[in-house]
Amino acid sequence: MPQLEIILGLLVAVAALATLAMRLRIPYPILLVVGGSLLGFVPGLPRVELDPDLVFILFLPPLLYASAVFTSWRDFRANVRTISLLAVGLVLMTTFVVAAVVHFVIGLPWAASLVLGAIVSPTDAIAATAIARRLGVPRRIVTILEGESLVNDATGIVVYRIAVAAVVTGAFSAWEAGLQFVVGAAGGIAFGFLIGWVVVWTRRHLADEPSIQTTVSLLTPFVANLVAEELPPYVWHGLGLPGELHLSGVLAVVVTGLYLGRRGPYILSSPMRLQGFAVAELLTFLLNGLIFILIGLQLRNVVGGLSRFTVGELIAYAVLVSLTVVLVRMLWVFLATYVPRWVSRQLRERGPPQPWRSVTVIAWTGMRGVISLAAALALPTTVAGGGPFVGRDLIIFLTFCVILATLVVQGLSLPA
């Protein structure tokens, strides 16, 4: 019963804070995170902990799927080069630059530093586009931000798993890491198309009843994620590959959503689409609201294990990592936009360069969110041999600070 009361109380808080955000003309993810952070320190309220498995299994698949379904495939394909540079190139660059800064300045080991870099490298799939849509930025920019945030989660999670394995086992194989990256991405994409095709075939043969079709739609992202992530290891052993290889469930969900978004109008009647859109909009709002307020509520838990650091050290580390994340994105976006045009005559002939104002908006819209915090909270407490995971508490704290800094500072300053 207490858990039911907590969930109902959080839903009430979501509704109240979202209403206040509309009155103040502030994007609601920002106010939910700030409000949750303050609620976490109210005396007498129960402590609420965010289960990482709950995020990866329950929250993330439907949110990514809904964003993918409503993303225009034509616009996505037209901007695939820009999206790829952000979703793959920028994630890898951010991972290594943050790791270098943390290793040389703070003193964390290389493997633990790479873990932090991988955690804070992907942007949030919801926050950036929710804020951008609220401000009415051009459609192309929204498409790029949506496409980036849909794909870069997969890149970040694959790099995160490789880095965590290096910390836990104390060993690193460049060959296995590269194989994991390629197999995870390619396998996730392939399974996404396969599951999308199966779902389209199934829905064509189901009863023409909106409730049944909507139920199948709600189940689709969970099936796509679980099939890709839980592929039995004996399949890999049968092919002579390492049994620890994972497919990207995130990419499988995104590709399935893009495929269904493209094929949906051909297999669904207008009443089914209308009901599906209404249900998806309500579910997305509730899940978004819960996840952002849960992020804020974690602050009380995060600061509990940092007594060995002074307040000044924690503030300096938080500012350093947050600035690194922001500056790397700014530099990468401008270089990736204009340098290829200087080098390639073919790109110059396609049309005029992007206005610097549009490039600045994309560079500044780098909010982090639930994926980063869930990945940090999912870190193991011990490594092989029973020793502690070095820097775990500090990694979680710095992740929360990056989320708070990018959401609040960048989110509130974006209108300017």
Protein backbone atom coordinates (compact mmCIF):
# COMPACT_ATOMS: atom_id res chain seq x y z
CA MET A 1 0.00 0.00 0.00
CA PRO A 2 2.77 2.55 0.73
CA GLN A 3 4.14 2.03 -2.80
CA LEU A 4 0.71 2.76 -4.29
CA GLU A 5 0.47 5.91 -2.19
CA ILE A 6 3.94 7.01 -3.36
CA ILE A 7 3.02 6.50 -7.04
CA LEU A 8 -0.25 8.41 -6.63
CA GLY A 9 1.56 11.17 -4.77
CA LEU A 10 4.16 11.45 -7.53
CA LEU A 11 1.42 11.67 -10.18
CA VAL A 12 -0.22 14.49 -8.23
CA ALA A 13 3.14 16.26 -7.98
CA VAL A 14 3.69 15.80 -11.74
CA ALA A 15 0.31 17.33 -12.55
CA ALA A 16 0.87 20.27 -10.16
CA LEU A 17 4.43 21.01 -11.33
CA ALA A 18 3.51 20.65 -15.02
CA THR A 19 0.63 23.09 -14.52
CA LEU A 20 2.96 25.53 -12.77
CA ALA A 21 5.48 25.14 -15.60
CA MET A 22 2.82 26.11 -18.15
CA ARG A 23 1.87 29.17 -16.10
CA LEU A 24 5.52 30.22 -15.82
CA ARG A 25 6.20 29.35 -19.48
CA ILE A 26 9.03 27.02 -18.45
CA PRO A 27 9.54 23.62 -20.14
CA TYR A 28 8.08 21.11 -17.70
CA PRO A 29 11.12 18.73 -17.56
CA ILE A 30 13.15 21.52 -15.93
CA LEU A 31 10.60 22.31 -13.24
CA LEU A 32 9.99 18.61 -12.54
CA VAL A 33 13.69 17.95 -11.93
CA VAL A 34 14.09 21.02 -9.73
CA GLY A 35 10.84 20.31 -7.88
CA GLY A 36 11.80 16.68 -7.34
CA SER A 37 15.19 17.73 -5.97
CA LEU A 38 13.49 20.00 -3.42
CA LEU A 39 10.85 17.40 -2.51
CA GLY A 40 13.58 14.88 -1.75
CA PHE A 41 14.74 16.94 1.24
CA VAL A 42 11.29 17.55 2.75
CA PRO A 43 11.31 16.02 6.27
CA GLY A 44 9.00 13.08 6.75
CA LEU A 45 8.59 12.14 3.10
CA PRO A 46 9.63 8.57 2.23
CA ARG A 47 12.87 8.11 0.35
CA VAL A 48 12.22 7.15 -3.28
CA GLU A 49 14.95 5.25 -5.13
CA LEU A 50 15.06 4.94 -8.91
CA ASP A 51 15.56 1.34 -10.02
CA PRO A 52 17.80 1.33 -13.15
CA ASP A 53 16.19 -1.87 -14.43
CA LEU A 54 12.81 -0.14 -14.23
CA VAL A 55 14.13 2.64 -16.46
CA PHE A 56 15.68 0.36 -19.09
CA ILE A 57 12.76 -2.09 -19.20
CA LEU A 58 9.63 -0.07 -18.37
CA PHE A 59 10.25 3.63 -19.08
CA LEU A 60 12.73 3.83 -21.94
CA PRO A 61 11.21 1.51 -24.62
CA PRO A 62 7.77 3.18 -24.88
CA LEU A 63 9.23 6.70 -24.77
CA LEU A 64 11.77 5.97 -27.52
CA TYR A 65 9.16 4.11 -29.55
CA ALA A 66 6.66 6.97 -29.37
CA SER A 67 9.31 9.48 -30.43
CA ALA A 68 10.40 7.24 -33.32
CA VAL A 69 6.85 6.60 -34.57
CA PHE A 70 6.13 10.33 -34.76
CA THR A 71 9.47 11.11 -36.45
CA SER A 72 9.22 11.70 -40.18
CA TRP A 73 11.26 9.01 -41.97
CA ARG A 74 11.74 11.33 -44.93
CA ASP A 75 13.14 14.10 -42.74
CA PHE A 76 15.24 11.60 -40.78
CA ARG A 77 16.78 10.19 -43.98
CA ALA A 78 17.40 13.68 -45.37
CA ASN A 79 19.44 14.58 -42.27
CA VAL A 80 21.06 11.20 -41.65
CA ARG A 81 24.64 12.51 -42.14
CA THR A 82 24.19 15.23 -39.52
CA ILE A 83 22.40 12.85 -37.17
CA SER A 84 25.15 10.23 -37.51
CA LEU A 85 27.89 12.77 -36.76
CA LEU A 86 26.08 13.73 -33.58
CA ALA A 87 24.80 10.32 -32.49
CA VAL A 88 28.04 8.41 -33.07
CA GLY A 89 30.93 10.83 -33.57
CA LEU A 90 29.97 13.29 -30.85
CA VAL A 91 29.18 10.53 -28.34
CA LEU A 92 32.59 8.93 -28.83
CA MET A 93 34.38 12.29 -28.73
CA THR A 94 32.57 13.35 -25.55
CA THR A 95 33.35 10.01 -23.92
CA PHE A 96 37.09 10.28 -24.50
CA VAL A 97 37.46 14.00 -23.74
CA VAL A 98 35.49 13.74 -20.47
CA ALA A 99 37.49 10.64 -19.55
CA ALA A 100 40.79 12.45 -20.17
CA VAL A 101 39.73 15.48 -18.11
CA VAL A 102 38.48 13.34 -15.22
CA HIS A 103 41.56 11.11 -15.27
CA PHE A 104 44.18 13.88 -15.31
CA VAL A 105 42.40 16.42 -13.10
CA ILE A 106 40.33 14.39 -10.64
CA GLY A 107 42.54 11.31 -10.65
CA LEU A 108 40.07 8.52 -11.40
CA PRO A 109 41.54 5.48 -13.18
CA TRP A 110 41.20 5.42 -16.96
CA ALA A 111 38.54 2.71 -17.02
CA ALA A 112 36.35 4.47 -14.43
CA SER A 113 36.85 7.77 -16.25
CA LEU A 114 35.66 6.18 -19.50
CA VAL A 115 32.59 4.92 -17.67
CA LEU A 116 31.70 8.46 -16.64
CA GLY A 117 32.38 9.74 -20.16
CA ALA A 118 30.08 7.11 -21.67
CA ILE A 119 27.35 7.88 -19.13
CA VAL A 120 27.18 11.63 -19.78
CA SER A 121 27.79 11.50 -23.55
CA PRO A 122 24.24 10.80 -24.89
CA THR A 123 21.62 13.54 -24.82
CA ASP A 124 18.17 12.84 -23.44
CA ALA A 125 15.62 11.50 -25.90
CA ILE A 126 12.82 13.55 -24.39
CA ALA A 127 14.11 16.73 -22.76
CA ALA A 128 15.75 18.35 -25.78
CA THR A 129 12.85 17.84 -28.17
CA ALA A 130 10.23 18.70 -25.56
CA ILE A 131 11.96 22.01 -24.92
CA ALA A 132 12.63 22.65 -28.61
CA ARG A 133 9.01 22.00 -29.59
CA ARG A 134 7.83 24.25 -26.80
CA LEU A 135 9.92 27.09 -28.22
CA GLY A 136 8.74 26.53 -31.78
CA VAL A 137 12.18 26.05 -33.34
CA PRO A 138 12.32 25.12 -37.06
CA ARG A 139 11.21 21.61 -38.02
CA ARG A 140 14.63 20.61 -39.39
CA ILE A 141 16.32 21.39 -36.09
CA VAL A 142 13.72 19.36 -34.18
CA THR A 143 14.26 16.45 -36.61
CA ILE A 144 18.02 16.55 -36.06
CA LEU A 145 17.66 16.73 -32.27
CA GLU A 146 15.10 13.90 -32.24
CA GLY A 147 17.18 11.74 -34.53
CA GLU A 148 20.32 12.35 -32.50
CA SER A 149 18.70 11.57 -29.17
CA LEU A 150 17.03 8.43 -30.55
CA VAL A 151 20.28 6.92 -31.87
CA ASN A 152 22.94 8.23 -29.48
CA ASP A 153 21.44 6.32 -26.54
CA ALA A 154 22.45 3.10 -28.28
CA THR A 155 25.99 4.36 -28.92
CA GLY A 156 26.38 5.51 -25.32
CA ILE A 157 25.03 2.27 -23.84
CA VAL A 158 27.33 0.09 -25.96
CA VAL A 159 30.41 2.13 -24.95
CA TYR A 160 29.17 2.13 -21.34
CA ARG A 161 28.97 -1.66 -21.24
CA ILE A 162 32.46 -2.00 -22.67
CA ALA A 163 33.90 0.45 -20.11
CA VAL A 164 32.07 -1.15 -17.16
CA ALA A 165 33.32 -4.60 -18.20
CA ALA A 166 36.87 -3.22 -18.27
CA VAL A 167 36.50 -1.90 -14.71
CA VAL A 168 34.88 -5.06 -13.34
CA THR A 169 37.24 -7.57 -14.97
CA GLY A 170 40.36 -5.41 -14.98
CA ALA A 171 40.99 -6.38 -18.62
CA PHE A 172 40.30 -4.72 -21.95
CA SER A 173 40.36 -6.18 -25.45
CA ALA A 174 40.18 -3.72 -28.32
CA TRP A 175 39.09 -6.51 -30.68
CA GLU A 176 36.21 -7.62 -28.45
CA ALA A 177 35.21 -4.01 -27.79
CA GLY A 178 35.08 -3.25 -31.51
CA LEU A 179 33.16 -6.45 -32.20
CA GLN A 180 30.68 -5.62 -29.45
CA PHE A 181 30.12 -2.17 -30.90
CA VAL A 182 29.55 -3.43 -34.46
CA VAL A 183 27.43 -6.44 -33.52
CA GLY A 184 25.38 -4.45 -31.01
CA ALA A 185 24.53 -1.72 -33.51
CA ALA A 186 24.06 -3.88 -36.63
CA GLY A 187 22.14 -6.55 -34.74
CA GLY A 188 19.85 -4.02 -33.09
CA ILE A 189 19.05 -2.40 -36.44
CA ALA A 190 18.42 -5.77 -38.13
CA PHE A 191 16.14 -6.95 -35.33
CA GLY A 192 14.29 -3.64 -35.42
CA PHE A 193 13.41 -4.10 -39.08
CA LEU A 194 12.48 -7.74 -38.51
CA ILE A 195 10.22 -6.98 -35.56
CA GLY A 196 8.68 -4.04 -37.41
CA TRP A 197 7.85 -6.29 -40.37
CA VAL A 198 6.32 -8.94 -38.08
CA VAL A 199 4.23 -6.33 -36.26
CA VAL A 200 2.94 -4.86 -39.54
CA TRP A 201 2.00 -8.35 -40.80
CA THR A 202 0.31 -9.16 -37.48
CA ARG A 203 -1.70 -5.95 -37.34
CA ARG A 204 -2.93 -6.46 -40.88
CA HIS A 205 -4.49 -9.76 -39.81
CA LEU A 206 -5.93 -8.58 -36.49
CA ALA A 207 -9.51 -7.51 -36.00
CA ASP A 208 -10.24 -3.97 -37.14
CA GLU A 209 -10.82 -2.90 -33.53
CA PRO A 210 -9.02 0.17 -32.10
CA SER A 211 -8.63 -1.33 -28.61
CA ILE A 212 -6.91 -4.47 -29.92
CA GLN A 213 -4.66 -2.53 -32.26
CA THR A 214 -3.72 -0.06 -29.53
CA THR A 215 -2.85 -2.92 -27.17
CA VAL A 216 -0.51 -4.41 -29.77
CA SER A 217 1.05 -0.98 -30.28
CA LEU A 218 1.68 -0.60 -26.54
CA LEU A 219 3.34 -4.03 -26.37
CA THR A 220 5.55 -3.53 -29.46
CA PRO A 221 8.42 -1.54 -27.88
CA PHE A 222 8.73 -3.96 -24.95
CA VAL A 223 8.86 -6.94 -27.32
CA ALA A 224 11.45 -5.24 -29.54
CA ASN A 225 13.66 -4.39 -26.56
CA LEU A 226 13.44 -7.81 -24.89
CA VAL A 227 13.98 -9.84 -28.08
CA ALA A 228 17.10 -7.86 -28.95
CA GLU A 229 18.55 -7.77 -25.42
CA GLU A 230 17.72 -11.31 -24.30
CA LEU A 231 18.91 -13.27 -27.33
CA PRO A 232 20.16 -16.58 -25.87
CA PRO A 233 23.96 -16.70 -25.57
CA TYR A 234 24.07 -20.20 -27.07
CA VAL A 235 23.25 -18.67 -30.47
CA TRP A 236 26.51 -16.72 -30.33
CA HIS A 237 28.43 -19.77 -29.14
CA GLY A 238 27.04 -21.71 -32.09
CA LEU A 239 28.48 -19.05 -34.40
CA GLY A 240 31.84 -19.06 -32.61
CA LEU A 241 31.38 -15.58 -31.14
CA PRO A 242 31.81 -14.43 -27.51
CA GLY A 243 28.69 -15.23 -25.48
CA GLU A 244 28.77 -11.85 -23.77
CA LEU A 245 27.90 -9.93 -26.95
CA HIS A 246 24.70 -7.88 -26.65
CA LEU A 247 22.41 -6.51 -29.29
CA SER A 248 21.21 -2.97 -28.85
CA GLY A 249 17.63 -3.08 -27.60
CA VAL A 250 17.52 0.71 -27.87
CA LEU A 251 18.29 0.64 -31.60
CA ALA A 252 15.83 -2.20 -32.11
CA VAL A 253 13.05 -0.12 -30.51
CA VAL A 254 13.97 3.00 -32.50
CA VAL A 255 14.13 1.18 -35.86
CA THR A 256 10.85 -0.61 -35.11
CA GLY A 257 9.23 2.73 -34.32
CA LEU A 258 10.57 4.36 -37.49
CA TYR A 259 9.35 1.42 -39.58
CA LEU A 260 5.89 1.44 -37.99
CA GLY A 261 5.68 5.21 -38.35
CA ARG A 262 6.31 4.85 -42.08
CA ARG A 263 3.99 1.86 -42.62
CA GLY A 264 1.26 2.78 -40.12
CA PRO A 265 -0.86 5.00 -42.39
CA TYR A 266 -1.14 2.11 -44.90
CA ILE A 267 -2.43 -0.49 -42.41
CA LEU A 268 -4.43 1.52 -39.85
CA SER A 269 -7.79 3.21 -40.27
CA SER A 270 -8.40 6.78 -39.12
CA PRO A 271 -10.25 5.77 -35.88
CA MET A 272 -7.40 3.45 -34.91
CA ARG A 273 -4.79 6.13 -35.56
CA LEU A 274 -6.74 8.73 -33.58
CA GLN A 275 -7.13 6.45 -30.56
CA GLY A 276 -3.51 5.34 -30.79
CA PHE A 277 -2.28 8.93 -30.90
CA ALA A 278 -4.40 9.89 -27.87
CA VAL A 279 -3.18 6.93 -25.81
CA ALA A 280 0.45 7.51 -26.83
CA GLU A 281 0.25 11.20 -25.93
CA LEU A 282 -1.18 10.46 -22.47
CA LEU A 283 1.29 7.64 -21.77
CA THR A 284 4.23 9.75 -22.92
CA PHE A 285 3.26 12.63 -20.65
CA LEU A 286 2.80 10.38 -17.59
CA LEU A 287 6.07 8.50 -18.12
CA ASN A 288 7.97 11.70 -18.86
CA GLY A 289 6.57 13.37 -15.78
CA LEU A 290 7.37 10.44 -13.51
CA ILE A 291 10.89 9.97 -14.83
CA PHE A 292 11.91 13.62 -14.53
CA ILE A 293 10.54 14.01 -11.01
CA LEU A 294 12.25 10.73 -10.05
CA ILE A 295 15.53 12.14 -11.36
CA GLY A 296 15.13 15.10 -9.01
CA LEU A 297 14.27 12.88 -6.05
CA GLN A 298 17.60 11.05 -6.41
CA LEU A 299 19.65 14.05 -5.24
CA ARG A 300 19.09 13.17 -1.60
CA ASN A 301 20.37 9.63 -2.23
CA VAL A 302 23.27 10.77 -4.40
CA VAL A 303 24.90 13.07 -1.86
CA GLY A 304 24.82 10.42 0.86
CA GLY A 305 28.10 8.68 -0.02
CA LEU A 306 30.34 11.69 -0.64
CA SER A 307 31.48 12.59 2.86
CA ARG A 308 35.17 12.07 1.95
CA PHE A 309 35.05 15.08 -0.40
CA THR A 310 34.82 18.70 0.66
CA VAL A 311 32.00 20.87 -0.65
CA GLY A 312 34.50 22.97 -2.60
CA GLU A 313 35.95 19.89 -4.32
CA LEU A 314 32.52 18.60 -5.30
CA ILE A 315 31.48 21.97 -6.74
CA ALA A 316 34.75 22.29 -8.68
CA TYR A 317 34.46 18.75 -10.08
CA ALA A 318 30.80 19.29 -11.05
CA VAL A 319 31.55 22.57 -12.85
CA LEU A 320 34.58 21.05 -14.61
CA VAL A 321 32.72 18.02 -16.00
CA SER A 322 29.60 20.01 -16.94
CA LEU A 323 31.67 22.63 -18.78
CA THR A 324 33.59 19.90 -20.59
CA VAL A 325 30.37 18.26 -21.79
CA VAL A 326 28.94 21.58 -23.01
CA LEU A 327 32.11 22.87 -24.68
CA VAL A 328 32.86 19.61 -26.48
CA ARG A 329 29.38 19.68 -28.00
CA MET A 330 29.67 23.32 -29.04
CA LEU A 331 33.04 22.74 -30.70
CA TRP A 332 32.01 19.48 -32.40
CA VAL A 333 28.74 20.83 -33.83
CA PHE A 334 30.38 23.87 -35.42
CA LEU A 335 33.33 21.87 -36.80
CA ALA A 336 31.12 19.04 -38.08
CA THR A 337 28.82 21.58 -39.78
CA TYR A 338 31.34 23.77 -41.58
CA VAL A 339 34.60 21.82 -41.99
CA PRO A 340 33.15 19.15 -44.36
CA ARG A 341 31.81 21.96 -46.55
CA TRP A 342 35.25 23.54 -46.73
CA VAL A 343 36.78 20.19 -47.70
CA SER A 344 34.11 18.85 -50.08
CA ARG A 345 33.09 20.79 -53.18
CA GLN A 346 30.13 18.44 -53.62
CA LEU A 347 28.66 19.49 -50.26
CA ARG A 348 29.10 23.16 -51.15
CA GLU A 349 27.21 22.66 -54.40
CA ARG A 350 24.21 21.10 -52.67
CA GLY A 351 23.13 24.40 -51.20
CA PRO A 352 24.03 27.26 -48.88
CA PRO A 353 25.53 26.52 -45.46
CA GLN A 354 23.37 26.34 -42.36
CA PRO A 355 22.87 29.74 -40.68
CA TRP A 356 25.07 30.10 -37.63
CA ARG A 357 21.99 30.75 -35.47
CA SER A 358 20.55 27.32 -36.34
CA VAL A 359 23.91 25.67 -35.66
CA THR A 360 24.11 27.48 -32.32
CA VAL A 361 20.67 26.18 -31.29
CA ILE A 362 21.69 22.59 -32.07
CA ALA A 363 25.01 23.06 -30.26
CA TRP A 364 23.33 24.48 -27.15
CA THR A 365 20.50 21.90 -27.01
CA GLY A 366 22.49 19.14 -25.34
CA MET A 367 20.37 18.29 -22.30
CA ARG A 368 21.11 15.04 -20.45
CA GLY A 369 18.45 13.01 -18.68
CA VAL A 370 17.17 9.63 -17.60
CA ILE A 371 19.51 7.40 -19.63
CA SER A 372 22.56 8.96 -18.00
CA LEU A 373 21.22 8.69 -14.46
CA ALA A 374 19.92 5.14 -14.93
CA ALA A 375 23.28 4.04 -16.33
CA ALA A 376 25.10 5.62 -13.37
CA LEU A 377 22.78 4.03 -10.81
CA ALA A 378 23.17 0.64 -12.53
CA LEU A 379 26.93 0.55 -11.89
CA PRO A 380 27.96 -2.52 -9.88
CA THR A 381 29.17 -1.91 -6.34
CA THR A 382 32.03 -4.42 -6.55
CA VAL A 383 34.48 -5.69 -9.17
CA ALA A 384 36.01 -9.11 -9.78
CA GLY A 385 37.80 -10.18 -6.62
CA GLY A 386 35.36 -8.41 -4.31
CA GLY A 387 36.91 -4.93 -4.33
CA PRO A 388 34.79 -1.78 -4.58
CA PHE A 389 33.96 -0.14 -7.90
CA VAL A 390 36.41 2.77 -7.80
CA GLY A 391 34.73 6.17 -7.84
CA ARG A 392 31.15 4.86 -8.06
CA ASP A 393 29.64 7.46 -5.71
CA LEU A 394 31.53 10.30 -7.39
CA ILE A 395 30.45 9.11 -10.86
CA ILE A 396 26.79 9.10 -9.80
CA PHE A 397 27.11 12.57 -8.26
CA LEU A 398 28.83 14.06 -11.31
CA THR A 399 26.22 12.49 -13.59
CA PHE A 400 23.42 14.13 -11.60
CA CYS A 401 25.22 17.48 -11.73
CA VAL A 402 25.63 17.28 -15.52
CA ILE A 403 21.91 16.46 -15.88
CA LEU A 404 20.91 19.34 -13.62
CA ALA A 405 23.31 21.82 -15.25
CA THR A 406 22.34 21.01 -18.83
CA LEU A 407 18.61 20.87 -18.12
CA VAL A 408 18.39 24.02 -16.03
CA VAL A 409 21.14 26.25 -17.48
CA GLN A 410 20.80 25.28 -21.14
CA GLY A 411 17.06 24.70 -20.99
CA LEU A 412 16.26 28.06 -19.43
CA SER A 413 18.72 29.99 -21.60
CA LEU A 414 17.67 28.36 -24.89
CA PRO A 415 14.88 30.87 -25.64
CA ALA A 416 17.46 33.65 -25.77
